[in-house]
Protein backbone atom coordinates (compact mmCIF):
# COMPACT_ATOMS: atom_id res chain seq x y z
CA UNK A 1 -23.98 -63.01 -36.16
CA UNK A 2 -22.47 -61.21 -33.50
CA UNK A 3 -23.20 -57.39 -32.25
CA UNK A 4 -20.41 -55.45 -30.78
CA UNK A 5 -21.31 -52.86 -28.13
CA UNK A 6 -19.33 -50.60 -26.46
CA UNK A 7 -20.72 -50.98 -22.96
CA UNK A 8 -19.25 -47.41 -21.79
CA UNK A 9 -21.27 -45.18 -24.59
CA UNK A 10 -24.31 -47.32 -23.68
CA UNK A 11 -24.40 -46.48 -19.77
CA UNK A 12 -23.17 -42.56 -20.91
CA UNK A 13 -26.32 -42.44 -23.19
CA UNK A 14 -28.53 -43.60 -20.06
CA UNK A 15 -27.08 -41.54 -17.61
CA UNK A 16 -27.47 -38.17 -19.91
CA UNK A 17 -31.31 -39.70 -19.99
CA UNK A 18 -31.18 -40.20 -16.29
CA UNK A 19 -29.77 -36.75 -15.83
CA UNK A 20 -32.26 -35.46 -17.83
CA UNK A 21 -35.07 -35.89 -15.65
CA UNK A 22 -33.05 -35.15 -12.53
CA UNK A 23 -32.50 -31.95 -14.69
CA UNK A 24 -35.90 -31.16 -14.99
CA UNK A 25 -37.00 -31.88 -10.96
CA UNK A 26 -33.89 -29.09 -10.27
CA UNK A 27 -35.21 -26.60 -12.40
CA UNK A 28 -38.48 -27.11 -10.77
CA UNK A 29 -37.46 -26.63 -7.18
CA UNK A 30 -35.28 -23.77 -8.37
CA UNK A 31 -38.09 -21.80 -9.31
CA UNK A 32 -41.43 -20.16 -7.71
CA UNK A 33 -44.33 -22.38 -7.91
CA UNK A 34 -46.41 -19.37 -8.10
CA UNK A 35 -45.07 -18.25 -11.31
CA UNK A 36 -44.33 -22.12 -13.18
CA UNK A 37 -46.63 -22.18 -16.31
CA UNK A 38 -49.34 -25.33 -15.73
CA UNK A 39 -47.89 -27.25 -18.29
CA UNK A 40 -44.53 -26.71 -16.91
CA UNK A 41 -45.56 -27.65 -13.97
CA UNK A 42 -47.30 -30.90 -14.80
CA UNK A 43 -43.90 -32.03 -17.08
CA UNK A 44 -41.74 -31.86 -13.63
CA UNK A 45 -44.68 -33.97 -11.94
CA UNK A 46 -44.36 -36.43 -14.45
CA UNK A 47 -40.68 -36.57 -14.99
CA UNK A 48 -40.74 -36.86 -10.98
CA UNK A 49 -43.41 -39.94 -10.99
CA UNK A 50 -40.96 -41.45 -13.74
CA UNK A 51 -38.04 -41.14 -11.83
CA UNK A 52 -39.71 -42.76 -8.81
CA UNK A 53 -41.54 -45.85 -10.74
CA UNK A 54 -38.07 -46.54 -12.33
CA UNK A 55 -36.51 -46.98 -9.20
CA UNK A 56 -39.00 -48.99 -7.61
CA UNK A 57 -38.53 -50.99 -11.17
CA UNK A 58 -34.99 -51.27 -10.34
CA UNK A 59 -35.25 -52.58 -6.94
CA UNK A 60 -37.70 -55.11 -7.65
CA UNK A 61 -35.52 -56.25 -10.08
CA UNK A 62 -33.21 -57.00 -7.83
CA UNK A 63 -35.47 -59.53 -6.28
CA UNK A 64 -36.07 -61.60 -9.39
CA UNK A 65 -33.89 -64.10 -9.96
CA UNK A 66 -34.41 -65.24 -13.57
CA UNK A 67 -32.62 -66.99 -16.63
CA UNK A 68 -33.34 -64.34 -18.94
CA UNK A 69 -29.98 -62.56 -17.85
CA UNK A 70 -27.57 -61.78 -21.05
CA UNK A 71 -25.25 -59.90 -22.27
CA UNK A 72 -27.98 -57.52 -23.82
CA UNK A 73 -30.38 -57.02 -20.58
CA UNK A 74 -26.76 -55.97 -19.07
CA UNK A 75 -26.19 -53.60 -21.50
CA UNK A 76 -30.20 -51.83 -22.32
CA UNK A 77 -31.90 -53.82 -19.02
CA UNK A 78 -31.40 -49.92 -17.48
CA UNK A 79 -32.90 -48.73 -20.94
CA UNK A 80 -35.83 -50.45 -20.82
CA UNK A 81 -36.98 -50.44 -17.03
CA UNK A 82 -36.83 -46.52 -17.84
CA UNK A 83 -39.34 -47.32 -20.57
CA UNK A 84 -41.47 -49.09 -18.70
CA UNK A 85 -41.27 -46.46 -16.13
CA UNK A 86 -42.51 -43.44 -19.11
CA UNK A 87 -45.13 -45.62 -19.92
CA UNK A 88 -47.02 -45.95 -16.55
CA UNK A 89 -46.78 -42.18 -16.24
CA UNK A 90 -48.22 -41.83 -19.63
CA UNK A 91 -50.64 -44.03 -18.51
CA UNK A 92 -51.82 -42.23 -15.68
CA UNK A 93 -52.34 -45.38 -13.76
CA UNK A 94 -50.86 -44.55 -10.46
CA UNK A 95 -51.81 -40.63 -10.44
CA UNK A 96 -48.74 -39.57 -8.76
CA UNK A 97 -47.82 -37.30 -11.07
CA UNK A 98 -51.55 -35.92 -11.12
CA UNK A 99 -51.58 -35.53 -7.23
CA UNK A 100 -48.67 -33.91 -6.84
CA UNK A 101 -49.58 -31.03 -9.49
CA UNK A 102 -52.88 -30.63 -8.01
CA UNK A 103 -51.26 -30.40 -4.37
CA UNK A 104 -48.93 -28.02 -5.83
CA UNK A 105 -51.16 -25.54 -7.67
CA UNK A 106 -53.28 -25.14 -4.56
């Protein structure tokens, strides 16, 4: 059984998801923090934490030599790291988003 994947379209989907996080961050920076709603501010802080953790995971993966590399991890590895980063942010285990939120609320 063979699965055919169009690599260009997969990268386009990943780029669109990545741009969504960046757009959230940029939209917050263009607004006045005093007029931002609490939920909007918290979501932007979570988007920043997710982006930050995702970048850390990408750099960490470069340092690990693994035998698990295949065509699927080449296509979906970035998406997997993004989901891991989202899970870390939602769990609140790092707390970066909460710290940023509290700092900006002051």
